[in-house]
Each structure stands twice: as structure tokens, then as C-alpha cells.
PDB file of N, CA and C in Angstrom:
ATOM      1  N   SER A   1     106.057 154.726 106.338  1.00  0.00           N
ATOM      2  CA  SER A   1     105.215 154.407 105.205  1.00  0.00           C
ATOM      3  C   SER A   1     105.626 153.078 104.623  1.00  0.00           C
ATOM      4  N   HIS A   2     104.783 152.475 103.855  1.00  0.00           N
ATOM      5  CA  HIS A   2     105.088 151.168 103.308  1.00  0.00           C
ATOM      6  C   HIS A   2     106.197 151.220 102.274  1.00  0.00           C
ATOM      7  N   LEU A   3     106.562 152.378 101.797  1.00  0.00           N
ATOM      8  CA  LEU A   3     107.639 152.493 100.823  1.00  0.00           C
ATOM      9  C   LEU A   3     108.969 152.812 101.481  1.00  0.00           C
ATOM     10  N   GLY A   4     109.004 152.830 102.775  1.00  0.00           N
ATOM     11  CA  GLY A   4     110.238 153.115 103.466  1.00  0.00           C
ATOM     12  C   GLY A   4     110.532 154.591 103.616  1.00  0.00           C
ATOM     13  N   LEU A   5     109.673 155.445 103.158  1.00  0.00           N
ATOM     14  CA  LEU A   5     109.921 156.875 103.237  1.00  0.00           C
ATOM     15  C   LEU A   5     109.851 157.359 104.667  1.00  0.00           C
ATOM     16  N   GLY A   6     109.001 156.759 105.471  1.00  0.00           N
ATOM     17  CA  GLY A   6     108.923 157.153 106.868  1.00  0.00           C
ATOM     18  C   GLY A   6     110.242 156.905 107.580  1.00  0.00           C
ATOM     19  N   ARG A   7     110.879 155.798 107.266  1.00  0.00           N
ATOM     20  CA  ARG A   7     112.169 155.480 107.851  1.00  0.00           C
ATOM     21  C   ARG A   7     113.210 156.486 107.394  1.00  0.00           C
ATOM     22  N   SER A   8     113.167 156.879 106.139  1.00  0.00           N
ATOM     23  CA  SER A   8     114.113 157.862 105.622  1.00  0.00           C
ATOM     24  C   SER A   8     113.958 159.183 106.339  1.00  0.00           C
ATOM     25  N   ILE A   9     112.733 159.605 106.560  1.00  0.00           N
ATOM     26  CA  ILE A   9     112.504 160.886 107.215  1.00  0.00           C
ATOM     27  C   ILE A   9     113.026 160.846 108.644  1.00  0.00           C
ATOM     28  N   SER A  10     112.876 159.728 109.332  1.00  0.00           N
ATOM     29  CA  SER A  10     113.357 159.662 110.706  1.00  0.00           C
ATOM     30  C   SER A  10     114.875 159.760 110.765  1.00  0.00           C
ATOM     31  N   LEU A  11     115.567 159.414 109.695  1.00  0.00           N
ATOM     32  CA  LEU A  11     117.019 159.501 109.655  1.00  0.00           C
ATOM     33  C   LEU A  11     117.505 160.905 109.335  1.00  0.00           C
ATOM     34  N   MET A  12     116.587 161.817 109.063  1.00  0.00           N
ATOM     35  CA  MET A  12     116.963 163.147 108.638  1.00  0.00           C
ATOM     36  C   MET A  12     117.224 164.091 109.805  1.00  0.00           C
ATOM     37  N   SER A  13     117.260 163.595 111.003  1.00  0.00           N
ATOM     38  CA  SER A  13     117.507 164.457 112.152  1.00  0.00           C
ATOM     39  C   SER A  13     118.957 164.908 112.153  1.00  0.00           C
ATOM     40  N   SER A  14     119.254 165.874 112.984  1.00  0.00           N
ATOM     41  CA  SER A  14     120.613 166.387 113.044  1.00  0.00           C
ATOM     42  C   SER A  14     121.599 165.339 113.563  1.00  0.00           C
ATOM     43  N   ALA A  15     121.096 164.284 114.190  1.00  0.00           N
ATOM     44  CA  ALA A  15     121.976 163.218 114.657  1.00  0.00           C
ATOM     45  C   ALA A  15     122.611 162.474 113.489  1.00  0.00           C
ATOM     46  N   PHE A  16     122.014 162.548 112.323  1.00  0.00           N
ATOM     47  CA  PHE A  16     122.527 161.903 111.128  1.00  0.00           C
ATOM     48  C   PHE A  16     122.650 162.944 110.023  1.00  0.00           C
ATOM     49  N   PRO A  17     123.646 163.851 110.111  1.00  0.00           N
ATOM     50  CA  PRO A  17     123.700 164.947 109.146  1.00  0.00           C
ATOM     51  C   PRO A  17     123.986 164.510 107.723  1.00  0.00           C
ATOM     52  N   LYS A  18     124.690 163.392 107.534  1.00  0.00           N
ATOM     53  CA  LYS A  18     124.991 162.968 106.167  1.00  0.00           C
ATOM     54  C   LYS A  18     124.636 161.500 105.998  1.00  0.00           C
ATOM     55  N   ALA A  19     123.893 161.216 104.954  1.00  0.00           N
ATOM     56  CA  ALA A  19     123.570 159.835 104.621  1.00  0.00           C
ATOM     57  C   ALA A  19     124.659 159.318 103.690  1.00  0.00           C
ATOM     58  N   PRO A  20     124.821 158.019 103.589  1.00  0.00           N
ATOM     59  CA  PRO A  20     125.805 157.489 102.653  1.00  0.00           C
ATOM     60  C   PRO A  20     125.440 157.866 101.222  1.00  0.00           C
ATOM     61  N   VAL A  21     126.442 158.026 100.414  1.00  0.00           N
ATOM     62  CA  VAL A  21     126.210 158.340  99.008  1.00  0.00           C
ATOM     63  C   VAL A  21     125.642 157.093  98.344  1.00  0.00           C
ATOM     64  N   PRO A  22     124.501 157.221  97.651  1.00  0.00           N
ATOM     65  CA  PRO A  22     123.887 156.040  97.039  1.00  0.00           C
ATOM     66  C   PRO A  22     124.697 155.536  95.853  1.00  0.00           C
ATOM     67  N   VAL A  23     124.638 154.254  95.643  1.00  0.00           N
ATOM     68  CA  VAL A  23     125.280 153.630  94.498  1.00  0.00           C
ATOM     69  C   VAL A  23     124.229 153.483  93.416  1.00  0.00           C
ATOM     70  N   ALA A  24     124.564 153.887  92.193  1.00  0.00           N
ATOM     71  CA  ALA A  24     123.604 153.790  91.087  1.00  0.00           C
ATOM     72  C   ALA A  24     123.098 152.363  90.970  1.00  0.00           C
ATOM     73  N   GLY A  25     121.785 152.220  90.896  1.00  0.00           N
ATOM     74  CA  GLY A  25     121.185 150.899  90.743  1.00  0.00           C
ATOM     75  C   GLY A  25     121.213 150.067  92.014  1.00  0.00           C
ATOM     76  N   LEU A  26     121.501 150.699  93.132  1.00  0.00           N
ATOM     77  CA  LEU A  26     121.633 149.972  94.391  1.00  0.00           C
ATOM     78  C   LEU A  26     120.382 149.184  94.735  1.00  0.00           C
ATOM     79  N   HIS A  27     119.208 149.772  94.472  1.00  0.00           N
ATOM     80  CA  HIS A  27     117.956 149.117  94.841  1.00  0.00           C
ATOM     81  C   HIS A  27     117.413 148.215  93.744  1.00  0.00           C
ATOM     82  N   ALA A  28     117.972 148.290  92.572  1.00  0.00           N
ATOM     83  CA  ALA A  28     117.444 147.501  91.456  1.00  0.00           C
ATOM     84  C   ALA A  28     117.530 146.019  91.801  1.00  0.00           C
ATOM     85  N   GLY A  29     116.414 145.352  91.698  1.00  0.00           N
ATOM     86  CA  GLY A  29     116.383 143.920  91.953  1.00  0.00           C
ATOM     87  C   GLY A  29     116.480 143.555  93.422  1.00  0.00           C
ATOM     88  N   SER A  30     116.240 144.505  94.309  1.00  0.00           N
ATOM     89  CA  SER A  30     116.283 144.203  95.741  1.00  0.00           C
ATOM     90  C   SER A  30     115.239 143.144  96.066  1.00  0.00           C
ATOM     91  N   LYS A  31     115.574 142.287  96.995  1.00  0.00           N
ATOM     92  CA  LYS A  31     114.644 141.230  97.394  1.00  0.00           C
ATOM     93  C   LYS A  31     113.819 141.691  98.583  1.00  0.00           C
ATOM     94  N   SER A  32     112.530 141.452  98.523  1.00  0.00           N
ATOM     95  CA  SER A  32     111.679 141.751  99.668  1.00  0.00           C
ATOM     96  C   SER A  32     111.770 140.583 100.638  1.00  0.00           C
ATOM     97  N   ASP A  33     111.088 140.704 101.758  1.00  0.00           N
ATOM     98  CA  ASP A  33     111.052 139.618 102.728  1.00  0.00           C
ATOM     99  C   ASP A  33     110.410 138.366 102.143  1.00  0.00           C
ATOM    100  N   PHE A  34     109.660 138.531 101.076  1.00  0.00           N
ATOM    101  CA  PHE A  34     108.969 137.410 100.459  1.00  0.00           C
ATOM    102  C   PHE A  34     109.738 136.865  99.265  1.00  0.00           C
ATOM    103  N   GLY A  35     110.963 137.358  99.043  1.00  0.00           N
ATOM    104  CA  GLY A  35     111.782 136.855  97.957  1.00  0.00           C
ATOM    105  C   GLY A  35     111.398 137.395  96.594  1.00  0.00           C
ATOM    106  N   GLU A  36     110.522 138.390  96.544  1.00  0.00           N
ATOM    107  CA  GLU A  36     110.100 138.944  95.259  1.00  0.00           C
ATOM    108  C   GLU A  36     111.054 140.049  94.846  1.00  0.00           C
ATOM    109  N   ASP A  37     111.285 140.176  93.527  1.00  0.00           N
ATOM    110  CA  ASP A  37     112.083 141.290  93.040  1.00  0.00           C
ATOM    111  C   ASP A  37     111.290 142.570  93.190  1.00  0.00           C
ATOM    112  N   LEU A  38     111.948 143.606  93.683  1.00  0.00           N
ATOM    113  CA  LEU A  38     111.304 144.903  93.850  1.00  0.00           C
ATOM    114  C   LEU A  38     111.912 145.894  92.874  1.00  0.00           C
ATOM    115  N   ASP A  39     111.081 146.670  92.251  1.00  0.00           N
ATOM    116  CA  ASP A  39     111.536 147.784  91.439  1.00  0.00           C
ATOM    117  C   ASP A  39     111.262 149.037  92.256  1.00  0.00           C
ATOM    118  N   VAL A  40     112.266 149.502  92.977  1.00  0.00           N
ATOM    119  CA  VAL A  40     112.086 150.621  93.893  1.00  0.00           C
ATOM    120  C   VAL A  40     111.672 151.868  93.135  1.00  0.00           C
ATOM    121  N   ASP A  41     112.259 152.086  91.958  1.00  0.00           N
ATOM    122  CA  ASP A  41     111.876 153.260  91.165  1.00  0.00           C
ATOM    123  C   ASP A  41     110.393 153.226  90.821  1.00  0.00           C
ATOM    124  N   GLU A  42     109.873 152.043  90.498  1.00  0.00           N
ATOM    125  CA  GLU A  42     108.444 151.913  90.189  1.00  0.00           C
ATOM    126  C   GLU A  42     107.600 152.215  91.426  1.00  0.00           C
ATOM    127  N   LEU A  43     108.034 151.724  92.579  1.00  0.00           N
ATOM    128  CA  LEU A  43     107.305 152.002  93.816  1.00  0.00           C
ATOM    129  C   LEU A  43     107.287 153.496  94.116  1.00  0.00           C
ATOM    130  N   ILE A  44     108.415 154.162  93.904  1.00  0.00           N
ATOM    131  CA  ILE A  44     108.485 155.608  94.137  1.00  0.00           C
ATOM    132  C   ILE A  44     107.533 156.331  93.199  1.00  0.00           C
ATOM    133  N   GLU A  45     107.517 155.951  91.933  1.00  0.00           N
ATOM    134  CA  GLU A  45     106.650 156.605  90.950  1.00  0.00           C
ATOM    135  C   GLU A  45     105.172 156.432  91.296  1.00  0.00           C
ATOM    136  N   ARG A  46     104.810 155.284  91.871  1.00  0.00           N
ATOM    137  CA  ARG A  46     103.405 155.045  92.217  1.00  0.00           C
ATOM    138  C   ARG A  46     102.985 155.832  93.446  1.00  0.00           C
ATOM    139  N   ASN A  47     103.941 156.266  94.249  1.00  0.00           N
ATOM    140  CA  ASN A  47     103.638 157.043  95.444  1.00  0.00           C
ATOM    141  C   ASN A  47     103.232 158.449  95.032  1.00  0.00           C
ATOM    142  N   ARG A  48     102.219 158.973  95.670  1.00  0.00           N
ATOM    143  CA  ARG A  48     101.716 160.306  95.319  1.00  0.00           C
ATOM    144  C   ARG A  48     102.722 161.407  95.617  1.00  0.00           C
ATOM    145  N   CYS A  49     103.727 161.121  96.385  1.00  0.00           N
ATOM    146  CA  CYS A  49     104.708 162.135  96.792  1.00  0.00           C
ATOM    147  C   CYS A  49     106.017 162.012  96.013  1.00  0.00           C
ATOM    148  N   HIS A  50     105.986 161.333  94.882  1.00  0.00           N
ATOM    149  CA  HIS A  50     107.237 161.074  94.174  1.00  0.00           C
ATOM    150  C   HIS A  50     107.944 162.351  93.719  1.00  0.00           C
ATOM    151  N   GLU A  51     107.203 163.383  93.339  1.00  0.00           N
ATOM    152  CA  GLU A  51     107.855 164.623  92.901  1.00  0.00           C
ATOM    153  C   GLU A  51     108.612 165.272  94.057  1.00  0.00           C
ATOM    154  N   ASP A  52     108.005 165.283  95.243  1.00  0.00           N
ATOM    155  CA  ASP A  52     108.683 165.836  96.418  1.00  0.00           C
ATOM    156  C   ASP A  52     109.896 164.995  96.790  1.00  0.00           C
ATOM    157  N   TYR A  53     109.787 163.676  96.632  1.00  0.00           N
ATOM    158  CA  TYR A  53     110.909 162.784  96.909  1.00  0.00           C
ATOM    159  C   TYR A  53     112.081 163.097  95.983  1.00  0.00           C
ATOM    160  N   TYR A  54     111.791 163.267  94.698  1.00  0.00           N
ATOM    161  CA  TYR A  54     112.862 163.555  93.744  1.00  0.00           C
ATOM    162  C   TYR A  54     113.483 164.929  93.993  1.00  0.00           C
ATOM    163  N   LYS A  55     112.690 165.905  94.426  1.00  0.00           N
ATOM    164  CA  LYS A  55     113.249 167.223  94.768  1.00  0.00           C
ATOM    165  C   LYS A  55     114.207 167.100  95.951  1.00  0.00           C
ATOM    166  N   LEU A  56     113.846 166.284  96.928  1.00  0.00           N
ATOM    167  CA  LEU A  56     114.733 166.051  98.062  1.00  0.00           C
ATOM    168  C   LEU A  56     116.018 165.367  97.601  1.00  0.00           C
ATOM    169  N   GLU A  57     115.896 164.351  96.763  1.00  0.00           N
ATOM    170  CA  GLU A  57     117.083 163.666  96.248  1.00  0.00           C
ATOM    171  C   GLU A  57     117.991 164.633  95.488  1.00  0.00           C
ATOM    172  N   ASP A  58     117.405 165.520  94.683  1.00  0.00           N
ATOM    173  CA  ASP A  58     118.201 166.518  93.953  1.00  0.00           C
ATOM    174  C   ASP A  58     118.941 167.429  94.925  1.00  0.00           C
ATOM    175  N   CYS A  59     118.249 167.889  95.954  1.00  0.00           N
ATOM    176  CA  CYS A  59     118.871 168.753  96.956  1.00  0.00           C
ATOM    177  C   CYS A  59     120.028 168.027  97.639  1.00  0.00           C
ATOM    178  N   LEU A  60     119.796 166.791  98.038  1.00  0.00           N
ATOM    179  CA  LEU A  60     120.850 166.029  98.705  1.00  0.00           C
ATOM    180  C   LEU A  60     122.055 165.832  97.794  1.00  0.00           C
ATOM    181  N   ALA A  61     121.810 165.625  96.516  1.00  0.00           N
ATOM    182  CA  ALA A  61     122.914 165.490  95.564  1.00  0.00           C
ATOM    183  C   ALA A  61     123.694 166.801  95.458  1.00  0.00           C
ATOM    184  N   ASP A  62     122.978 167.917  95.473  1.00  0.00           N
ATOM    185  CA  ASP A  62     123.621 169.234  95.368  1.00  0.00           C
ATOM    186  C   ASP A  62     124.459 169.574  96.598  1.00  0.00           C
ATOM    187  N   PHE A  63     124.087 169.042  97.759  1.00  0.00           N
ATOM    188  CA  PHE A  63     124.751 169.404  99.015  1.00  0.00           C
ATOM    189  C   PHE A  63     125.460 168.219  99.665  1.00  0.00           C
ATOM    190  N   ASP A  64     125.992 167.314  98.864  1.00  0.00           N
ATOM    191  CA  ASP A  64     126.802 166.201  99.363  1.00  0.00           C
ATOM    192  C   ASP A  64     126.093 165.417 100.467  1.00  0.00           C
ATOM    193  N   ARG A  65     124.802 165.148 100.249  1.00  0.00           N
ATOM    194  CA  ARG A  65     123.968 164.333 101.153  1.00  0.00           C
ATOM    195  C   ARG A  65     123.807 164.957 102.539  1.00  0.00           C
ATOM    196  N   ASP A  66     123.970 166.268 102.662  1.00  0.00           N
ATOM    197  CA  ASP A  66     123.839 166.955 103.949  1.00  0.00           C
ATOM    198  C   ASP A  66     122.370 167.307 104.181  1.00  0.00           C
ATOM    199  N   TRP A  67     121.711 166.546 105.064  1.00  0.00           N
ATOM    200  CA  TRP A  67     120.278 166.719 105.324  1.00  0.00           C
ATOM    201  C   TRP A  67     119.953 168.105 105.866  1.00  0.00           C
ATOM    202  N   THR A  68     120.909 168.702 106.577  1.00  0.00           N
ATOM    203  CA  THR A  68     120.638 170.002 107.186  1.00  0.00           C
ATOM    204  C   THR A  68     120.415 171.086 106.145  1.00  0.00           C
ATOM    205  N   LYS A  69     120.936 170.900 104.951  1.00  0.00           N
ATOM    206  CA  LYS A  69     120.779 171.891 103.881  1.00  0.00           C
ATOM    207  C   LYS A  69     119.463 171.725 103.121  1.00  0.00           C
ATOM    208  N   CYS A  70     118.748 170.647 103.378  1.00  0.00           N
ATOM    209  CA  CYS A  70     117.553 170.319 102.589  1.00  0.00           C
ATOM    210  C   CYS A  70     116.299 170.219 103.456  1.00  0.00           C
ATOM    211  N   GLN A  71     116.257 170.941 104.550  1.00  0.00           N
ATOM    212  CA  GLN A  71     115.137 170.817 105.479  1.00  0.00           C
ATOM    213  C   GLN A  71     113.804 171.244 104.869  1.00  0.00           C
ATOM    214  N   ALA A  72     113.812 172.215 103.959  1.00  0.00           N
ATOM    215  CA  ALA A  72     112.549 172.618 103.318  1.00  0.00           C
ATOM    216  C   ALA A  72     111.974 171.453 102.522  1.00  0.00           C
ATOM    217  N   GLN A  73     112.832 170.732 101.791  1.00  0.00           N
ATOM    218  CA  GLN A  73     112.377 169.584 101.004  1.00  0.00           C
ATOM    219  C   GLN A  73     111.961 168.428 101.913  1.00  0.00           C
ATOM    220  N   VAL A  74     112.667 168.244 103.015  1.00  0.00           N
ATOM    221  CA  VAL A  74     112.309 167.202 103.987  1.00  0.00           C
ATOM    222  C   VAL A  74     110.903 167.462 104.518  1.00  0.00           C
ATOM    223  N   LYS A  75     110.644 168.709 104.913  1.00  0.00           N
ATOM    224  CA  LYS A  75     109.334 169.060 105.474  1.00  0.00           C
ATOM    225  C   LYS A  75     108.229 168.906 104.442  1.00  0.00           C
ATOM    226  N   THR A  76     108.504 169.307 103.200  1.00  0.00           N
ATOM    227  CA  THR A  76     107.499 169.177 102.141  1.00  0.00           C
ATOM    228  C   THR A  76     107.155 167.709 101.905  1.00  0.00           C
ATOM    229  N   LEU A  77     108.166 166.852 101.844  1.00  0.00           N
ATOM    230  CA  LEU A  77     107.930 165.424 101.642  1.00  0.00           C
ATOM    231  C   LEU A  77     107.174 164.832 102.829  1.00  0.00           C
ATOM    232  N   LYS A  78     107.534 165.213 104.035  1.00  0.00           N
ATOM    233  CA  LYS A  78     106.836 164.700 105.217  1.00  0.00           C
ATOM    234  C   LYS A  78     105.369 165.112 105.207  1.00  0.00           C
ATOM    235  N   LEU A  79     105.086 166.368 104.873  1.00  0.00           N
ATOM    236  CA  LEU A  79     103.691 166.822 104.805  1.00  0.00           C
ATOM    237  C   LEU A  79     102.907 166.020 103.771  1.00  0.00           C
ATOM    238  N   CYS A  80     103.508 165.791 102.622  1.00  0.00           N
ATOM    239  CA  CYS A  80     102.834 165.011 101.578  1.00  0.00           C
ATOM    240  C   CYS A  80     102.566 163.591 102.071  1.00  0.00           C
ATOM    241  N   ASN A  81     103.575 162.953 102.646  1.00  0.00           N
ATOM    242  CA  ASN A  81     103.386 161.587 103.143  1.00  0.00           C
ATOM    243  C   ASN A  81     102.332 161.531 104.239  1.00  0.00           C
ATOM    244  N   ASP A  82     102.305 162.538 105.107  1.00  0.00           N
ATOM    245  CA  ASP A  82     101.283 162.584 106.155  1.00  0.00           C
ATOM    246  C   ASP A  82      99.884 162.678 105.547  1.00  0.00           C
ATOM    247  N   ARG A  83      99.724 163.521 104.513  1.00  0.00           N
ATOM    248  CA  ARG A  83      98.414 163.652 103.844  1.00  0.00           C
ATOM    249  C   ARG A  83      98.005 162.338 103.185  1.00  0.00           C
ATOM    250  N   VAL A  84      98.937 161.683 102.513  1.00  0.00           N
ATOM    251  CA  VAL A  84      98.640 160.409 101.854  1.00  0.00           C
ATOM    252  C   VAL A  84      98.235 159.366 102.892  1.00  0.00           C
ATOM    253  N   ASN A  85      98.951 159.311 104.007  1.00  0.00           N
ATOM    254  CA  ASN A  85      98.624 158.339 105.055  1.00  0.00           C
ATOM    255  C   ASN A  85      97.266 158.621 105.683  1.00  0.00           C
ATOM    256  N   GLN A  86      96.931 159.897 105.893  1.00  0.00           N
ATOM    257  CA  GLN A  86      95.613 160.248 106.436  1.00  0.00           C
ATOM    258  C   GLN A  86      94.509 159.839 105.470  1.00  0.00           C
ATOM    259  N   LEU A  87      94.720 160.079 104.192  1.00  0.00           N
ATOM    260  CA  LEU A  87      93.732 159.703 103.184  1.00  0.00           C
ATOM    261  C   LEU A  87      93.554 158.189 103.148  1.00  0.00           C
ATOM    262  N   ARG A  88      94.662 157.460 103.196  1.00  0.00           N
ATOM    263  CA  ARG A  88      94.599 155.994 103.176  1.00  0.00           C
ATOM    264  C   ARG A  88      93.826 155.479 104.388  1.00  0.00           C
ATOM    265  N   LYS A  89      94.110 156.036 105.562  1.00  0.00           N
ATOM    266  CA  LYS A  89      93.404 155.608 106.778  1.00  0.00           C
ATOM    267  C   LYS A  89      91.917 155.925 106.695  1.00  0.00           C
ATOM    268  N   ALA A  90      91.579 157.084 106.139  1.00  0.00           N
ATOM    269  CA  ALA A  90      90.167 157.448 105.985  1.00  0.00           C
ATOM    270  C   ALA A  90      89.470 156.497 105.019  1.00  0.00           C
ATOM    271  N   GLN A  91      90.154 156.137 103.937  1.00  0.00           N
ATOM    272  CA  GLN A  91      89.576 155.204 102.969  1.00  0.00           C
ATOM    273  C   GLN A  91      89.399 153.821 103.588  1.00  0.00           C
ATOM    274  N   GLU A  92      90.374 153.381 104.381  1.00  0.00           N
ATOM    275  CA  GLU A  92      90.261 152.079 105.046  1.00  0.00           C
ATOM    276  C   GLU A  92      89.112 152.083 106.052  1.00  0.00           C
ATOM    277  N   ALA A  93      88.959 153.182 106.779  1.00  0.00           N
ATOM    278  CA  ALA A  93      87.873 153.286 107.756  1.00  0.00           C
ATOM    279  C   ALA A  93      86.521 153.273 107.056  1.00  0.00           C
ATOM    280  N   ALA A  94      86.418 153.994 105.938  1.00  0.00           N
ATOM    281  CA  ALA A  94      85.161 154.024 105.185  1.00  0.00           C
ATOM    282  C   ALA A  94      84.835 152.639 104.640  1.00  0.00           C
ATOM    283  N   ALA A  95      85.847 151.925 104.164  1.00  0.00           N
ATOM    284  CA  ALA A  95      85.631 150.582 103.622  1.00  0.00           C
ATOM    285  C   ALA A  95      85.197 149.618 104.723  1.00  0.00           C
ATOM    286  N   SER A  96      85.777 149.737 105.909  1.00  0.00           N
ATOM    287  CA  SER A  96      85.401 148.828 106.996  1.00  0.00           C
ATOM    288  C   SER A  96      84.011 149.153 107.541  1.00  0.00           C
ATOM    289  N   ASN A  97      83.576 150.404 107.425  1.00  0.00           N
ATOM    290  CA  ASN A  97      82.230 150.785 107.866  1.00  0.00           C
ATOM    291  C   ASN A  97      81.157 150.248 106.927  1.00  0.00           C
ATOM    292  N   LYS A  98      81.506 149.996 105.678  1.00  0.00           N
ATOM    293  CA  LYS A  98      80.535 149.483 104.702  1.00  0.00           C
ATOM    294  C   LYS A  98      80.286 147.994 104.886  1.00  0.00           C
ATOM    295  N   GLN A  99      81.179 147.325 105.589  1.00  0.00           N
ATOM    296  CA  GLN A  99      81.049 145.866 105.737  1.00  0.00           C
ATOM    297  C   GLN A  99      80.107 145.491 106.814  1.00  0.00           C
TER     298      GLN A  99
END
């Protein structure tokens, strides 16, 4: 996904049982490829799946970043992201058909 969530989900396999512990404010002021400041928290909030994302983050915090303990939340977030991506593609297709 454009918010990097797709990349996060791919890292959730058993080959990567624990992700690094995040540093508070790690993403604040991150630079994009275009040199623009990014507010990652704002991007997450604008995503339709932000509640599922935060539930996954809470689970990971509770289980020392062990992805294997949070598979229900991983699956829920993936389903939400898949629905959002399907909707976006349908909207793009409808817009291109009108032209």
C-alpha cells in the first residue's frame, strides 16, 4: 500500500518473528523521496484501516513485538487493506471509463 502497510504485512511471516522495538517519534519528520516532511501519524489516521493498525500495534506492544502472537490482528488489518485497495482500484477504473 502507499502507506507502507503492505510492506509491514509481508514482514509478519514466521521468518521474522520479532520486529525491532520502535523508538518514540522515530517517524516524526521523516523525509520522503521528494524531500518533503512526512507526518506518519497523520498518514495512518487518514487510512481507513487506522483502527485495525492501532490494534495490531497494541498487540505487538503487549507481546514484545512477537508477530506470531498477533496473527488475528495481522489478518484483520490485511483484510481491511485489501478492501481499501479494491475500492481504490474500482474508483480509478470508473474514473478512467468516464474519460
